């Protein structure tokens, strides 16, 4: 009986050699600018992403966790509130709820 081998990283399969070169060159450009927190590249990304989404604005965040926390805070969710989510999600889902002081309630789904 053979075992199924699932690769930890599939990036080599996802991007061809030329696309990887283009992506790495763009990352290098941003790193050399040293302006990757609130710089030109982030502003361009936010404008393009907002346009794709049909939104007036978009805000780049440093992580998905930070984005989830910002959403919960914008919805004024905090102490005394409960947030229902599934247990088979990434840990950041529950962590964000905990970070704003709300209670995580796990539910099963069909």
PDB file of N, CA and C in Angstrom:
ATOM      1  N   UNK A   1       0.845  -1.182   0.000  1.00  0.00           N
ATOM      2  CA  UNK A   1       0.000   0.000   0.000  1.00  0.00           C
ATOM      3  C   UNK A   1       0.892   1.247   0.000  1.00  0.00           C
ATOM      4  N   UNK A   2       0.634   2.166  -0.928  1.00  0.00           N
ATOM      5  CA  UNK A   2       1.431   3.391  -0.987  1.00  0.00           C
ATOM      6  C   UNK A   2       0.737   4.497  -0.192  1.00  0.00           C
ATOM      7  N   UNK A   3       1.564   5.365   0.343  1.00  0.00           N
ATOM      8  CA  UNK A   3       1.043   6.496   1.116  1.00  0.00           C
ATOM      9  C   UNK A   3       0.908   7.707   0.208  1.00  0.00           C
ATOM     10  N   UNK A   4      -0.125   8.460   0.436  1.00  0.00           N
ATOM     11  CA  UNK A   4      -0.344   9.701  -0.297  1.00  0.00           C
ATOM     12  C   UNK A   4       0.667  10.730   0.182  1.00  0.00           C
ATOM     13  N   UNK A   5       1.390  11.340  -0.729  1.00  0.00           N
ATOM     14  CA  UNK A   5       2.372  12.360  -0.379  1.00  0.00           C
ATOM     15  C   UNK A   5       1.811  13.725  -0.752  1.00  0.00           C
ATOM     16  N   UNK A   6       1.551  14.538   0.253  1.00  0.00           N
ATOM     17  CA  UNK A   6       1.034  15.880   0.038  1.00  0.00           C
ATOM     18  C   UNK A   6       2.162  16.853   0.342  1.00  0.00           C
ATOM     19  N   UNK A   7       2.578  17.651  -0.636  1.00  0.00           N
ATOM     20  CA  UNK A   7       3.696  18.571  -0.398  1.00  0.00           C
ATOM     21  C   UNK A   7       3.314  19.674   0.588  1.00  0.00           C
ATOM     22  N   UNK A   8       4.282  20.060   1.399  1.00  0.00           N
ATOM     23  CA  UNK A   8       4.046  21.153   2.349  1.00  0.00           C
ATOM     24  C   UNK A   8       3.861  22.466   1.599  1.00  0.00           C
ATOM     25  N   UNK A   9       4.674  22.682   0.593  1.00  0.00           N
ATOM     26  CA  UNK A   9       4.591  23.906  -0.186  1.00  0.00           C
ATOM     27  C   UNK A   9       4.380  23.548  -1.653  1.00  0.00           C
ATOM     28  N   UNK A  10       3.493  24.240  -2.302  1.00  0.00           N
ATOM     29  CA  UNK A  10       3.191  23.966  -3.702  1.00  0.00           C
ATOM     30  C   UNK A  10       3.512  25.176  -4.588  1.00  0.00           C
ATOM     31  N   UNK A  11       4.301  26.088  -4.090  1.00  0.00           N
ATOM     32  CA  UNK A  11       4.567  27.310  -4.843  1.00  0.00           C
ATOM     33  C   UNK A  11       5.259  27.046  -6.170  1.00  0.00           C
ATOM     34  N   UNK A  12       6.165  26.057  -6.210  1.00  0.00           N
ATOM     35  CA  UNK A  12       6.833  25.751  -7.478  1.00  0.00           C
ATOM     36  C   UNK A  12       5.827  25.282  -8.518  1.00  0.00           C
ATOM     37  N   UNK A  13       4.782  24.597  -8.077  1.00  0.00           N
ATOM     38  CA  UNK A  13       3.747  24.131  -9.009  1.00  0.00           C
ATOM     39  C   UNK A  13       2.789  25.255  -9.387  1.00  0.00           C
ATOM     40  N   UNK A  14       2.613  26.207  -8.473  1.00  0.00           N
ATOM     41  CA  UNK A  14       1.642  27.268  -8.681  1.00  0.00           C
ATOM     42  C   UNK A  14       2.149  28.328  -9.657  1.00  0.00           C
ATOM     43  N   UNK A  15       3.435  28.644  -9.585  1.00  0.00           N
ATOM     44  CA  UNK A  15       3.995  29.695 -10.422  1.00  0.00           C
ATOM     45  C   UNK A  15       5.113  29.132 -11.289  1.00  0.00           C
ATOM     46  N   UNK A  16       5.103  29.485 -12.573  1.00  0.00           N
ATOM     47  CA  UNK A  16       6.167  29.082 -13.477  1.00  0.00           C
ATOM     48  C   UNK A  16       7.424  29.890 -13.211  1.00  0.00           C
ATOM     49  N   UNK A  17       8.555  29.484 -13.805  1.00  0.00           N
ATOM     50  CA  UNK A  17       9.837  30.161 -13.552  1.00  0.00           C
ATOM     51  C   UNK A  17       9.821  31.657 -13.870  1.00  0.00           C
ATOM     52  N   UNK A  18       9.193  32.030 -14.963  1.00  0.00           N
ATOM     53  CA  UNK A  18       9.161  33.454 -15.341  1.00  0.00           C
ATOM     54  C   UNK A  18       8.301  34.266 -14.378  1.00  0.00           C
ATOM     55  N   UNK A  19       7.180  33.703 -13.964  1.00  0.00           N
ATOM     56  CA  UNK A  19       6.318  34.418 -13.024  1.00  0.00           C
ATOM     57  C   UNK A  19       7.011  34.553 -11.670  1.00  0.00           C
ATOM     58  N   UNK A  20       7.720  33.497 -11.236  1.00  0.00           N
ATOM     59  CA  UNK A  20       8.465  33.580  -9.978  1.00  0.00           C
ATOM     60  C   UNK A  20       9.519  34.681 -10.048  1.00  0.00           C
ATOM     61  N   UNK A  21      10.219  34.802 -11.187  1.00  0.00           N
ATOM     62  CA  UNK A  21      11.231  35.855 -11.348  1.00  0.00           C
ATOM     63  C   UNK A  21      10.595  37.234 -11.236  1.00  0.00           C
ATOM     64  N   UNK A  22       9.444  37.395 -11.875  1.00  0.00           N
ATOM     65  CA  UNK A  22       8.741  38.690 -11.835  1.00  0.00           C
ATOM     66  C   UNK A  22       8.304  39.034 -10.413  1.00  0.00           C
ATOM     67  N   UNK A  23       7.769  38.043  -9.690  1.00  0.00           N
ATOM     68  CA  UNK A  23       7.311  38.255  -8.312  1.00  0.00           C
ATOM     69  C   UNK A  23       8.485  38.604  -7.409  1.00  0.00           C
ATOM     70  N   UNK A  24       9.573  37.841  -7.519  1.00  0.00           N
ATOM     71  CA  UNK A  24      10.744  38.101  -6.684  1.00  0.00           C
ATOM     72  C   UNK A  24      11.374  39.449  -6.992  1.00  0.00           C
ATOM     73  N   UNK A  25      11.369  39.862  -8.256  1.00  0.00           N
ATOM     74  CA  UNK A  25      11.898  41.175  -8.630  1.00  0.00           C
ATOM     75  C   UNK A  25      11.050  42.286  -8.002  1.00  0.00           C
ATOM     76  N   UNK A  26       9.741  42.112  -7.998  1.00  0.00           N
ATOM     77  CA  UNK A  26       8.853  43.115  -7.391  1.00  0.00           C
ATOM     78  C   UNK A  26       9.097  43.200  -5.885  1.00  0.00           C
ATOM     79  N   UNK A  27       9.282  42.044  -5.235  1.00  0.00           N
ATOM     80  CA  UNK A  27       9.569  42.037  -3.799  1.00  0.00           C
ATOM     81  C   UNK A  27      10.899  42.736  -3.524  1.00  0.00           C
ATOM     82  N   UNK A  28      11.893  42.474  -4.352  1.00  0.00           N
ATOM     83  CA  UNK A  28      13.193  43.112  -4.195  1.00  0.00           C
ATOM     84  C   UNK A  28      13.084  44.630  -4.349  1.00  0.00           C
ATOM     85  N   UNK A  29      12.304  45.089  -5.330  1.00  0.00           N
ATOM     86  CA  UNK A  29      12.111  46.531  -5.526  1.00  0.00           C
ATOM     87  C   UNK A  29      11.519  47.181  -4.285  1.00  0.00           C
ATOM     88  N   UNK A  30      10.507  46.561  -3.713  1.00  0.00           N
ATOM     89  CA  UNK A  30       9.864  47.114  -2.517  1.00  0.00           C
ATOM     90  C   UNK A  30      10.845  47.119  -1.346  1.00  0.00           C
ATOM     91  N   UNK A  31      11.607  46.026  -1.192  1.00  0.00           N
ATOM     92  CA  UNK A  31      12.580  45.947  -0.098  1.00  0.00           C
ATOM     93  C   UNK A  31      13.655  47.022  -0.242  1.00  0.00           C
ATOM     94  N   UNK A  32      14.105  47.272  -1.468  1.00  0.00           N
ATOM     95  CA  UNK A  32      15.129  48.297  -1.694  1.00  0.00           C
ATOM     96  C   UNK A  32      14.602  49.702  -1.437  1.00  0.00           C
ATOM     97  N   UNK A  33      13.313  49.926  -1.723  1.00  0.00           N
ATOM     98  CA  UNK A  33      12.715  51.226  -1.422  1.00  0.00           C
ATOM     99  C   UNK A  33      12.703  51.455   0.083  1.00  0.00           C
ATOM    100  N   UNK A  34      12.559  50.355   0.849  1.00  0.00           N
ATOM    101  CA  UNK A  34      12.491  50.464   2.302  1.00  0.00           C
ATOM    102  C   UNK A  34      11.215  51.136   2.767  1.00  0.00           C
ATOM    103  N   UNK A  35      10.243  51.157   1.914  1.00  0.00           N
ATOM    104  CA  UNK A  35       9.013  51.911   2.169  1.00  0.00           C
ATOM    105  C   UNK A  35       7.815  50.976   2.091  1.00  0.00           C
ATOM    106  N   UNK A  36       7.957  49.811   2.690  1.00  0.00           N
ATOM    107  CA  UNK A  36       6.942  48.774   2.504  1.00  0.00           C
ATOM    108  C   UNK A  36       5.829  48.804   3.538  1.00  0.00           C
ATOM    109  N   UNK A  37       5.866  49.712   4.490  1.00  0.00           N
ATOM    110  CA  UNK A  37       4.787  49.771   5.464  1.00  0.00           C
ATOM    111  C   UNK A  37       3.671  50.693   4.985  1.00  0.00           C
ATOM    112  N   UNK A  38       4.005  51.899   4.677  1.00  0.00           N
ATOM    113  CA  UNK A  38       2.992  52.846   4.198  1.00  0.00           C
ATOM    114  C   UNK A  38       3.443  53.525   2.910  1.00  0.00           C
ATOM    115  N   UNK A  39       4.251  52.830   2.137  1.00  0.00           N
ATOM    116  CA  UNK A  39       4.854  53.433   0.955  1.00  0.00           C
ATOM    117  C   UNK A  39       4.011  53.388  -0.294  1.00  0.00           C
ATOM    118  N   UNK A  40       4.660  53.777  -1.382  1.00  0.00           N
ATOM    119  CA  UNK A  40       4.019  53.863  -2.689  1.00  0.00           C
ATOM    120  C   UNK A  40       3.394  52.538  -3.113  1.00  0.00           C
ATOM    121  N   UNK A  41       4.115  51.447  -2.914  1.00  0.00           N
ATOM    122  CA  UNK A  41       3.618  50.140  -3.343  1.00  0.00           C
ATOM    123  C   UNK A  41       2.329  49.750  -2.615  1.00  0.00           C
ATOM    124  N   UNK A  42       2.277  50.052  -1.328  1.00  0.00           N
ATOM    125  CA  UNK A  42       1.067  49.728  -0.559  1.00  0.00           C
ATOM    126  C   UNK A  42      -0.102  50.577  -1.051  1.00  0.00           C
ATOM    127  N   UNK A  43       0.152  51.857  -1.279  1.00  0.00           N
ATOM    128  CA  UNK A  43      -0.900  52.743  -1.787  1.00  0.00           C
ATOM    129  C   UNK A  43      -1.434  52.278  -3.133  1.00  0.00           C
ATOM    130  N   UNK A  44      -0.515  51.867  -4.023  1.00  0.00           N
ATOM    131  CA  UNK A  44      -0.937  51.347  -5.323  1.00  0.00           C
ATOM    132  C   UNK A  44      -1.760  50.075  -5.167  1.00  0.00           C
ATOM    133  N   UNK A  45      -1.309  49.187  -4.279  1.00  0.00           N
ATOM    134  CA  UNK A  45      -2.057  47.955  -4.025  1.00  0.00           C
ATOM    135  C   UNK A  45      -3.460  48.264  -3.520  1.00  0.00           C
ATOM    136  N   UNK A  46      -3.571  49.175  -2.553  1.00  0.00           N
ATOM    137  CA  UNK A  46      -4.879  49.508  -1.989  1.00  0.00           C
ATOM    138  C   UNK A  46      -5.816  50.078  -3.054  1.00  0.00           C
ATOM    139  N   UNK A  47      -5.298  50.955  -3.904  1.00  0.00           N
ATOM    140  CA  UNK A  47      -6.129  51.536  -4.971  1.00  0.00           C
ATOM    141  C   UNK A  47      -6.603  50.467  -5.950  1.00  0.00           C
ATOM    142  N   UNK A  48      -5.682  49.600  -6.389  1.00  0.00           N
ATOM    143  CA  UNK A  48      -6.036  48.562  -7.349  1.00  0.00           C
ATOM    144  C   UNK A  48      -7.003  47.548  -6.735  1.00  0.00           C
ATOM    145  N   UNK A  49      -6.770  47.184  -5.492  1.00  0.00           N
ATOM    146  CA  UNK A  49      -7.639  46.213  -4.832  1.00  0.00           C
ATOM    147  C   UNK A  49      -9.036  46.778  -4.642  1.00  0.00           C
ATOM    148  N   UNK A  50      -9.132  48.046  -4.246  1.00  0.00           N
ATOM    149  CA  UNK A  50     -10.435  48.694  -4.100  1.00  0.00           C
ATOM    150  C   UNK A  50     -11.175  48.699  -5.433  1.00  0.00           C
ATOM    151  N   UNK A  51     -10.468  48.991  -6.505  1.00  0.00           N
ATOM    152  CA  UNK A  51     -11.097  49.014  -7.830  1.00  0.00           C
ATOM    153  C   UNK A  51     -11.614  47.633  -8.216  1.00  0.00           C
ATOM    154  N   UNK A  52     -10.807  46.601  -7.972  1.00  0.00           N
ATOM    155  CA  UNK A  52     -11.230  45.234  -8.289  1.00  0.00           C
ATOM    156  C   UNK A  52     -12.484  44.860  -7.505  1.00  0.00           C
ATOM    157  N   UNK A  53     -12.541  45.310  -6.247  1.00  0.00           N
ATOM    158  CA  UNK A  53     -13.678  44.963  -5.376  1.00  0.00           C
ATOM    159  C   UNK A  53     -14.874  45.883  -5.574  1.00  0.00           C
ATOM    160  N   UNK A  54     -14.706  46.940  -6.351  1.00  0.00           N
ATOM    161  CA  UNK A  54     -15.787  47.893  -6.538  1.00  0.00           C
ATOM    162  C   UNK A  54     -16.023  48.729  -5.285  1.00  0.00           C
ATOM    163  N   UNK A  55     -14.965  48.904  -4.490  1.00  0.00           N
ATOM    164  CA  UNK A  55     -15.071  49.682  -3.249  1.00  0.00           C
ATOM    165  C   UNK A  55     -14.399  51.038  -3.433  1.00  0.00           C
ATOM    166  N   UNK A  56     -14.804  51.991  -2.615  1.00  0.00           N
ATOM    167  CA  UNK A  56     -14.197  53.311  -2.680  1.00  0.00           C
ATOM    168  C   UNK A  56     -12.782  53.270  -2.105  1.00  0.00           C
ATOM    169  N   UNK A  57     -12.580  52.478  -1.040  1.00  0.00           N
ATOM    170  CA  UNK A  57     -11.288  52.394  -0.374  1.00  0.00           C
ATOM    171  C   UNK A  57     -10.950  50.943  -0.057  1.00  0.00           C
ATOM    172  N   UNK A  58      -9.680  50.683   0.158  1.00  0.00           N
ATOM    173  CA  UNK A  58      -9.180  49.416   0.678  1.00  0.00           C
ATOM    174  C   UNK A  58      -7.998  49.742   1.572  1.00  0.00           C
ATOM    175  N   UNK A  59      -7.810  48.950   2.606  1.00  0.00           N
ATOM    176  CA  UNK A  59      -6.707  49.179   3.534  1.00  0.00           C
ATOM    177  C   UNK A  59      -5.884  47.906   3.635  1.00  0.00           C
ATOM    178  N   UNK A  60      -4.613  48.004   3.303  1.00  0.00           N
ATOM    179  CA  UNK A  60      -3.718  46.866   3.446  1.00  0.00           C
ATOM    180  C   UNK A  60      -3.388  46.652   4.913  1.00  0.00           C
ATOM    181  N   UNK A  61      -3.380  45.400   5.325  1.00  0.00           N
ATOM    182  CA  UNK A  61      -3.072  45.055   6.716  1.00  0.00           C
ATOM    183  C   UNK A  61      -1.846  44.161   6.740  1.00  0.00           C
ATOM    184  N   UNK A  62      -1.217  44.058   7.905  1.00  0.00           N
ATOM    185  CA  UNK A  62      -0.007  43.235   8.002  1.00  0.00           C
ATOM    186  C   UNK A  62      -0.297  41.746   8.099  1.00  0.00           C
ATOM    187  N   UNK A  63      -1.535  41.379   8.413  1.00  0.00           N
ATOM    188  CA  UNK A  63      -1.868  39.958   8.536  1.00  0.00           C
ATOM    189  C   UNK A  63      -3.377  39.781   8.475  1.00  0.00           C
ATOM    190  N   UNK A  64      -3.766  38.543   8.240  1.00  0.00           N
ATOM    191  CA  UNK A  64      -5.191  38.223   8.276  1.00  0.00           C
ATOM    192  C   UNK A  64      -5.771  38.403   9.665  1.00  0.00           C
ATOM    193  N   UNK A  65      -4.972  38.108  10.682  1.00  0.00           N
ATOM    194  CA  UNK A  65      -5.435  38.287  12.067  1.00  0.00           C
ATOM    195  C   UNK A  65      -5.751  39.759  12.332  1.00  0.00           C
ATOM    196  N   UNK A  66      -4.846  40.649  11.924  1.00  0.00           N
ATOM    197  CA  UNK A  66      -5.074  42.083  12.119  1.00  0.00           C
ATOM    198  C   UNK A  66      -6.322  42.539  11.366  1.00  0.00           C
ATOM    199  N   UNK A  67      -6.541  41.980  10.180  1.00  0.00           N
ATOM    200  CA  UNK A  67      -7.728  42.339   9.410  1.00  0.00           C
ATOM    201  C   UNK A  67      -9.001  41.884  10.123  1.00  0.00           C
ATOM    202  N   UNK A  68      -8.978  40.671  10.667  1.00  0.00           N
ATOM    203  CA  UNK A  68     -10.149  40.166  11.399  1.00  0.00           C
ATOM    204  C   UNK A  68     -10.427  41.007  12.642  1.00  0.00           C
ATOM    205  N   UNK A  69      -9.369  41.382  13.365  1.00  0.00           N
ATOM    206  CA  UNK A  69      -9.539  42.231  14.550  1.00  0.00           C
ATOM    207  C   UNK A  69     -10.142  43.578  14.148  1.00  0.00           C
ATOM    208  N   UNK A  70      -9.645  44.168  13.074  1.00  0.00           N
ATOM    209  CA  UNK A  70     -10.171  45.464  12.615  1.00  0.00           C
ATOM    210  C   UNK A  70     -11.646  45.361  12.252  1.00  0.00           C
ATOM    211  N   UNK A  71     -12.029  44.275  11.599  1.00  0.00           N
ATOM    212  CA  UNK A  71     -13.436  44.068  11.240  1.00  0.00           C
ATOM    213  C   UNK A  71     -14.296  43.964  12.490  1.00  0.00           C
ATOM    214  N   UNK A  72     -13.850  43.155  13.445  1.00  0.00           N
ATOM    215  CA  UNK A  72     -14.622  42.996  14.686  1.00  0.00           C
ATOM    216  C   UNK A  72     -14.734  44.319  15.439  1.00  0.00           C
ATOM    217  N   UNK A  73     -13.644  45.070  15.482  1.00  0.00           N
ATOM    218  CA  UNK A  73     -13.682  46.372  16.154  1.00  0.00           C
ATOM    219  C   UNK A  73     -14.604  47.344  15.426  1.00  0.00           C
ATOM    220  N   UNK A  74     -14.590  47.328  14.096  1.00  0.00           N
ATOM    221  CA  UNK A  74     -15.469  48.205  13.319  1.00  0.00           C
ATOM    222  C   UNK A  74     -16.933  47.872  13.576  1.00  0.00           C
ATOM    223  N   UNK A  75     -17.205  46.592  13.845  1.00  0.00           N
ATOM    224  CA  UNK A  75     -18.569  46.157  14.155  1.00  0.00           C
ATOM    225  C   UNK A  75     -18.907  46.313  15.633  1.00  0.00           C
ATOM    226  N   UNK A  76     -17.955  46.886  16.387  1.00  0.00           N
ATOM    227  CA  UNK A  76     -18.099  47.121  17.827  1.00  0.00           C
ATOM    228  C   UNK A  76     -18.374  45.833  18.590  1.00  0.00           C
ATOM    229  N   UNK A  77     -17.715  44.760  18.190  1.00  0.00           N
ATOM    230  CA  UNK A  77     -17.810  43.477  18.890  1.00  0.00           C
ATOM    231  C   UNK A  77     -16.709  43.439  19.924  1.00  0.00           C
ATOM    232  N   UNK A  78     -17.077  43.072  21.150  1.00  0.00           N
ATOM    233  CA  UNK A  78     -16.094  43.054  22.229  1.00  0.00           C
ATOM    234  C   UNK A  78     -16.625  42.315  23.433  1.00  0.00           C
ATOM    235  N   UNK A  79     -16.211  42.754  24.589  1.00  0.00           N
ATOM    236  CA  UNK A  79     -16.584  42.122  25.849  1.00  0.00           C
ATOM    237  C   UNK A  79     -18.103  41.993  25.967  1.00  0.00           C
ATOM    238  N   UNK A  80     -18.550  40.792  26.320  1.00  0.00           N
ATOM    239  CA  UNK A  80     -19.975  40.533  26.452  1.00  0.00           C
ATOM    240  C   UNK A  80     -20.622  39.986  25.189  1.00  0.00           C
ATOM    241  N   UNK A  81     -19.910  40.022  24.083  1.00  0.00           N
ATOM    242  CA  UNK A  81     -20.434  39.504  22.823  1.00  0.00           C
ATOM    243  C   UNK A  81     -19.953  38.074  22.585  1.00  0.00           C
ATOM    244  N   UNK A  82     -20.713  37.343  21.796  1.00  0.00           N
ATOM    245  CA  UNK A  82     -20.324  36.001  21.367  1.00  0.00           C
ATOM    246  C   UNK A  82     -20.220  36.000  19.851  1.00  0.00           C
ATOM    247  N   UNK A  83     -19.206  35.302  19.335  1.00  0.00           N
ATOM    248  CA  UNK A  83     -19.022  35.177  17.894  1.00  0.00           C
ATOM    249  C   UNK A  83     -19.040  33.694  17.561  1.00  0.00           C
ATOM    250  N   UNK A  84     -19.939  33.323  16.683  1.00  0.00           N
ATOM    251  CA  UNK A  84     -20.087  31.925  16.279  1.00  0.00           C
ATOM    252  C   UNK A  84     -19.191  31.666  15.074  1.00  0.00           C
ATOM    253  N   UNK A  85     -18.412  30.597  15.157  1.00  0.00           N
ATOM    254  CA  UNK A  85     -17.542  30.207  14.052  1.00  0.00           C
ATOM    255  C   UNK A  85     -17.358  28.693  14.060  1.00  0.00           C
ATOM    256  N   UNK A  86     -16.693  28.189  13.056  1.00  0.00           N
ATOM    257  CA  UNK A  86     -16.456  26.748  12.965  1.00  0.00           C
ATOM    258  C   UNK A  86     -15.105  26.408  13.603  1.00  0.00           C
ATOM    259  N   UNK A  87     -14.986  25.209  14.170  1.00  0.00           N
ATOM    260  CA  UNK A  87     -13.725  24.838  14.811  1.00  0.00           C
ATOM    261  C   UNK A  87     -12.629  24.444  13.826  1.00  0.00           C
ATOM    262  N   UNK A  88     -12.979  24.165  12.591  1.00  0.00           N
ATOM    263  CA  UNK A  88     -11.980  23.721  11.616  1.00  0.00           C
ATOM    264  C   UNK A  88     -11.515  24.868  10.727  1.00  0.00           C
ATOM    265  N   UNK A  89     -11.252  26.006  11.337  1.00  0.00           N
ATOM    266  CA  UNK A  89     -10.723  27.175  10.649  1.00  0.00           C
ATOM    267  C   UNK A  89      -9.309  27.419  11.167  1.00  0.00           C
ATOM    268  N   UNK A  90      -8.607  28.349  10.549  1.00  0.00           N
ATOM    269  CA  UNK A  90      -7.279  28.707  11.036  1.00  0.00           C
ATOM    270  C   UNK A  90      -7.399  29.335  12.423  1.00  0.00           C
ATOM    271  N   UNK A  91      -6.390  29.156  13.237  1.00  0.00           N
ATOM    272  CA  UNK A  91      -6.411  29.627  14.626  1.00  0.00           C
ATOM    273  C   UNK A  91      -6.676  31.128  14.733  1.00  0.00           C
ATOM    274  N   UNK A  92      -6.303  31.902  13.715  1.00  0.00           N
ATOM    275  CA  UNK A  92      -6.501  33.350  13.756  1.00  0.00           C
ATOM    276  C   UNK A  92      -7.973  33.729  13.862  1.00  0.00           C
ATOM    277  N   UNK A  93      -8.854  32.889  13.355  1.00  0.00           N
ATOM    278  CA  UNK A  93     -10.286  33.194  13.429  1.00  0.00           C
ATOM    279  C   UNK A  93     -10.720  33.332  14.883  1.00  0.00           C
ATOM    280  N   UNK A  94     -10.409  32.327  15.690  1.00  0.00           N
ATOM    281  CA  UNK A  94     -10.769  32.367  17.113  1.00  0.00           C
ATOM    282  C   UNK A  94      -9.903  33.374  17.862  1.00  0.00           C
ATOM    283  N   UNK A  95      -8.629  33.482  17.489  1.00  0.00           N
ATOM    284  CA  UNK A  95      -7.732  34.408  18.181  1.00  0.00           C
ATOM    285  C   UNK A  95      -8.212  35.850  18.050  1.00  0.00           C
ATOM    286  N   UNK A  96      -8.682  36.227  16.880  1.00  0.00           N
ATOM    287  CA  UNK A  96      -9.165  37.597  16.671  1.00  0.00           C
ATOM    288  C   UNK A  96     -10.354  37.897  17.574  1.00  0.00           C
ATOM    289  N   UNK A  97     -11.241  36.933  17.709  1.00  0.00           N
ATOM    290  CA  UNK A  97     -12.407  37.104  18.587  1.00  0.00           C
ATOM    291  C   UNK A  97     -11.935  37.300  20.023  1.00  0.00           C
ATOM    292  N   UNK A  98     -10.988  36.474  20.442  1.00  0.00           N
ATOM    293  CA  UNK A  98     -10.443  36.583  21.795  1.00  0.00           C
ATOM    294  C   UNK A  98      -9.725  37.915  22.002  1.00  0.00           C
ATOM    295  N   UNK A  99      -8.997  38.371  21.000  1.00  0.00           N
ATOM    296  CA  UNK A  99      -8.248  39.627  21.121  1.00  0.00           C
ATOM    297  C   UNK A  99      -9.140  40.843  21.348  1.00  0.00           C
ATOM    298  N   UNK A 100     -10.377  40.800  20.858  1.00  0.00           N
ATOM    299  CA  UNK A 100     -11.292  41.928  21.100  1.00  0.00           C
ATOM    300  C   UNK A 100     -12.128  41.723  22.357  1.00  0.00           C
ATOM    301  N   UNK A 101     -11.883  40.614  23.057  1.00  0.00           N
ATOM    302  CA  UNK A 101     -12.569  40.382  24.324  1.00  0.00           C
ATOM    303  C   UNK A 101     -13.896  39.672  24.219  1.00  0.00           C
ATOM    304  N   UNK A 102     -14.275  39.217  23.041  1.00  0.00           N
ATOM    305  CA  UNK A 102     -15.542  38.509  22.870  1.00  0.00           C
ATOM    306  C   UNK A 102     -15.328  37.015  23.125  1.00  0.00           C
ATOM    307  N   UNK A 103     -16.430  36.303  23.218  1.00  0.00           N
ATOM    308  CA  UNK A 103     -16.381  34.851  23.478  1.00  0.00           C
ATOM    309  C   UNK A 103     -16.549  34.094  22.156  1.00  0.00           C
ATOM    310  N   UNK A 104     -15.664  33.113  21.938  1.00  0.00           N
ATOM    311  CA  UNK A 104     -15.740  32.268  20.747  1.00  0.00           C
ATOM    312  C   UNK A 104     -16.726  31.157  21.019  1.00  0.00           C
ATOM    313  N   UNK A 105     -17.670  30.933  20.103  1.00  0.00           N
ATOM    314  CA  UNK A 105     -18.608  29.833  20.205  1.00  0.00           C
ATOM    315  C   UNK A 105     -18.440  28.982  18.941  1.00  0.00           C
ATOM    316  N   UNK A 106     -17.974  27.752  19.133  1.00  0.00           N
ATOM    317  CA  UNK A 106     -17.774  26.859  18.000  1.00  0.00           C
ATOM    318  C   UNK A 106     -19.048  26.084  17.700  1.00  0.00           C
ATOM    319  N   UNK A 107     -19.356  25.935  16.426  1.00  0.00           N
ATOM    320  CA  UNK A 107     -20.514  25.159  16.005  1.00  0.00           C
ATOM    321  C   UNK A 107     -20.104  24.237  14.853  1.00  0.00           C
ATOM    322  N   UNK A 108     -20.759  23.111  14.756  1.00  0.00           N
ATOM    323  CA  UNK A 108     -20.553  22.197  13.637  1.00  0.00           C
ATOM    324  C   UNK A 108     -21.506  22.582  12.516  1.00  0.00           C
ATOM    325  N   UNK A 109     -21.097  22.312  11.296  1.00  0.00           N
ATOM    326  CA  UNK A 109     -21.952  22.594  10.154  1.00  0.00           C
ATOM    327  C   UNK A 109     -22.080  21.343   9.312  1.00  0.00           C
ATOM    328  N   UNK A 110     -23.121  21.300   8.485  1.00  0.00           N
ATOM    329  CA  UNK A 110     -23.294  20.163   7.593  1.00  0.00           C
ATOM    330  C   UNK A 110     -22.514  20.376   6.312  1.00  0.00           C
TER     331      UNK A 110
END
